Amino acid sequence: MGKKRYMITYDLNKSGKDYENVIESIKAASDGVWCSYWKSAYLIRSDYSTADEVSEKITPYLDNDDRLIVIEVVNNKQGWLSNKQWDYINNNIFSD
């Protein structure tokens, strides 16, 4: 099965949260290709076949009052980013 792409966004709702482990777990869910051009959001390329599998890598570092969403994305996109950012997304995230 080929690579999947996921948009992950989270809110850690209290000060003193474990941002470092949350961020590292998101990066670990990727195949090494990821970007974060937004606050508390990552776009990753992954070998995991479901959003549940990606979520399971991250949730051990969340508390009950935190929020997380993992959505599989396809190569149908638009937005305001720099040319360099679009180049990275097109040439890395959406390539196998």
C-alpha atoms as a PDB file:
ATOM      1  CA  MET A   1       0.000   0.000   0.000  1.00  0.00           C
ATOM      2  CA  GLY A   2       1.280   3.507  -0.790  1.00  0.00           C
ATOM      3  CA  LYS A   3       1.982   6.450   1.426  1.00  0.00           C
ATOM      4  CA  LYS A   4      -0.840   8.362   3.101  1.00  0.00           C
ATOM      5  CA  ARG A   5      -0.956  12.033   3.991  1.00  0.00           C
ATOM      6  CA  TYR A   6      -2.504  13.384   7.184  1.00  0.00           C
ATOM      7  CA  MET A   7      -3.275  16.821   8.558  1.00  0.00           C
ATOM      8  CA  ILE A   8      -2.922  16.808  12.336  1.00  0.00           C
ATOM      9  CA  THR A   9      -3.987  19.663  14.569  1.00  0.00           C
ATOM     10  CA  TYR A  10      -4.089  19.828  18.341  1.00  0.00           C
ATOM     11  CA  ASP A  11      -4.846  22.120  21.279  1.00  0.00           C
ATOM     12  CA  LEU A  12      -3.175  21.538  24.621  1.00  0.00           C
ATOM     13  CA  ASN A  13      -5.504  23.379  26.965  1.00  0.00           C
ATOM     14  CA  LYS A  14      -3.415  24.043  30.091  1.00  0.00           C
ATOM     15  CA  SER A  15      -0.065  25.693  30.601  1.00  0.00           C
ATOM     16  CA  GLY A  16       2.847  23.388  31.265  1.00  0.00           C
ATOM     17  CA  LYS A  17       1.705  20.747  28.757  1.00  0.00           C
ATOM     18  CA  ASP A  18       4.081  18.252  27.189  1.00  0.00           C
ATOM     19  CA  TYR A  19       4.457  19.966  23.800  1.00  0.00           C
ATOM     20  CA  GLU A  20       7.820  18.356  23.087  1.00  0.00           C
ATOM     21  CA  ASN A  21       6.503  14.771  23.290  1.00  0.00           C
ATOM     22  CA  VAL A  22       3.343  15.646  21.350  1.00  0.00           C
ATOM     23  CA  ILE A  23       5.414  17.175  18.549  1.00  0.00           C
ATOM     24  CA  GLU A  24       7.927  14.324  18.555  1.00  0.00           C
ATOM     25  CA  SER A  25       5.108  11.741  18.412  1.00  0.00           C
ATOM     26  CA  ILE A  26       3.607  13.534  15.396  1.00  0.00           C
ATOM     27  CA  LYS A  27       6.968  13.537  13.635  1.00  0.00           C
ATOM     28  CA  ALA A  28       7.425   9.854  14.563  1.00  0.00           C
ATOM     29  CA  ALA A  29       4.075   9.046  12.918  1.00  0.00           C
ATOM     30  CA  SER A  30       5.502  10.424   9.675  1.00  0.00           C
ATOM     31  CA  ASP A  31       7.925   8.584   7.423  1.00  0.00           C
ATOM     32  CA  GLY A  32      10.343  11.458   8.042  1.00  0.00           C
ATOM     33  CA  VAL A  33       8.541  13.896   5.749  1.00  0.00           C
ATOM     34  CA  TRP A  34       6.450  16.544   7.504  1.00  0.00           C
ATOM     35  CA  CYS A  35       5.884  20.284   7.690  1.00  0.00           C
ATOM     36  CA  SER A  36       4.361  22.693  10.158  1.00  0.00           C
ATOM     37  CA  TYR A  37       3.593  26.044   8.561  1.00  0.00           C
ATOM     38  CA  TRP A  38       0.689  26.628  10.981  1.00  0.00           C
ATOM     39  CA  LYS A  39       0.352  26.943  14.754  1.00  0.00           C
ATOM     40  CA  SER A  40      -0.357  23.569  16.377  1.00  0.00           C
ATOM     41  CA  ALA A  41      -0.775  21.795  13.023  1.00  0.00           C
ATOM     42  CA  TYR A  42       1.319  19.397  10.964  1.00  0.00           C
ATOM     43  CA  LEU A  43       1.016  17.942   7.488  1.00  0.00           C
ATOM     44  CA  ILE A  44       2.766  14.572   7.324  1.00  0.00           C
ATOM     45  CA  ARG A  45       3.473  11.781   4.863  1.00  0.00           C
ATOM     46  CA  SER A  46       3.124   8.419   6.582  1.00  0.00           C
ATOM     47  CA  ASP A  47       3.307   4.668   6.197  1.00  0.00           C
ATOM     48  CA  TYR A  48       0.341   4.305   8.574  1.00  0.00           C
ATOM     49  CA  SER A  49      -2.787   3.246   6.710  1.00  0.00           C
ATOM     50  CA  THR A  50      -5.403   4.852   8.984  1.00  0.00           C
ATOM     51  CA  ALA A  51      -5.943   8.045  10.953  1.00  0.00           C
ATOM     52  CA  ASP A  52      -6.552   5.819  14.014  1.00  0.00           C
ATOM     53  CA  GLU A  53      -2.997   4.467  13.800  1.00  0.00           C
ATOM     54  CA  VAL A  54      -1.570   7.991  13.607  1.00  0.00           C
ATOM     55  CA  SER A  55      -3.754   9.155  16.490  1.00  0.00           C
ATOM     56  CA  GLU A  56      -2.611   6.235  18.658  1.00  0.00           C
ATOM     57  CA  LYS A  57       0.991   7.511  18.391  1.00  0.00           C
ATOM     58  CA  ILE A  58      -0.009  10.927  19.764  1.00  0.00           C
ATOM     59  CA  THR A  59      -2.757  10.341  22.337  1.00  0.00           C
ATOM     60  CA  PRO A  60      -0.474   8.957  25.098  1.00  0.00           C
ATOM     61  CA  TYR A  61       0.872  12.519  25.466  1.00  0.00           C
ATOM     62  CA  LEU A  62      -2.548  14.207  25.685  1.00  0.00           C
ATOM     63  CA  ASP A  63      -4.797  14.901  28.661  1.00  0.00           C
ATOM     64  CA  ASN A  64      -8.586  14.527  28.691  1.00  0.00           C
ATOM     65  CA  ASP A  65      -9.081  18.269  28.201  1.00  0.00           C
ATOM     66  CA  ASP A  66      -6.812  18.446  25.128  1.00  0.00           C
ATOM     67  CA  ARG A  67      -8.053  18.283  21.527  1.00  0.00           C
ATOM     68  CA  LEU A  68      -6.689  16.368  18.537  1.00  0.00           C
ATOM     69  CA  ILE A  69      -7.873  15.732  15.008  1.00  0.00           C
ATOM     70  CA  VAL A  70      -6.129  13.590  12.388  1.00  0.00           C
ATOM     71  CA  ILE A  71      -7.551  13.759   8.862  1.00  0.00           C
ATOM     72  CA  GLU A  72      -6.315  11.926   5.791  1.00  0.00           C
ATOM     73  CA  VAL A  73      -5.746  14.372   2.948  1.00  0.00           C
ATOM     74  CA  VAL A  74      -5.503  13.940  -0.794  1.00  0.00           C
ATOM     75  CA  ASN A  75      -3.627  15.955  -3.382  1.00  0.00           C
ATOM     76  CA  ASN A  76      -6.406  18.511  -3.873  1.00  0.00           C
ATOM     77  CA  LYS A  77      -5.237  21.645  -2.133  1.00  0.00           C
ATOM     78  CA  GLN A  78      -5.232  25.424  -2.135  1.00  0.00           C
ATOM     79  CA  GLY A  79      -4.068  28.073   0.297  1.00  0.00           C
ATOM     80  CA  TRP A  80      -1.800  30.998   1.032  1.00  0.00           C
ATOM     81  CA  LEU A  81       1.758  29.796   1.444  1.00  0.00           C
ATOM     82  CA  SER A  82       5.095  30.941   0.107  1.00  0.00           C
ATOM     83  CA  ASN A  83       6.439  29.421  -3.108  1.00  0.00           C
ATOM     84  CA  LYS A  84       9.130  27.650  -1.061  1.00  0.00           C
ATOM     85  CA  GLN A  85       6.478  26.112   1.206  1.00  0.00           C
ATOM     86  CA  TRP A  86       4.365  24.969  -1.763  1.00  0.00           C
ATOM     87  CA  ASP A  87       7.459  23.481  -3.408  1.00  0.00           C
ATOM     88  CA  TYR A  88       8.195  21.456  -0.276  1.00  0.00           C
ATOM     89  CA  ILE A  89       4.601  20.221  -0.004  1.00  0.00           C
ATOM     90  CA  ASN A  90       4.372  19.312  -3.698  1.00  0.00           C
ATOM     91  CA  ASN A  91       7.833  17.732  -3.964  1.00  0.00           C
ATOM     92  CA  ASN A  92       7.941  15.955  -0.596  1.00  0.00           C
ATOM     93  CA  ILE A  93       4.568  15.499   1.073  1.00  0.00           C
ATOM     94  CA  PHE A  94       2.804  14.519  -2.158  1.00  0.00           C
ATOM     95  CA  SER A  95       5.555  12.397  -3.644  1.00  0.00           C
ATOM     96  CA  ASP A  96       6.353   8.784  -2.768  1.00  0.00           C
END
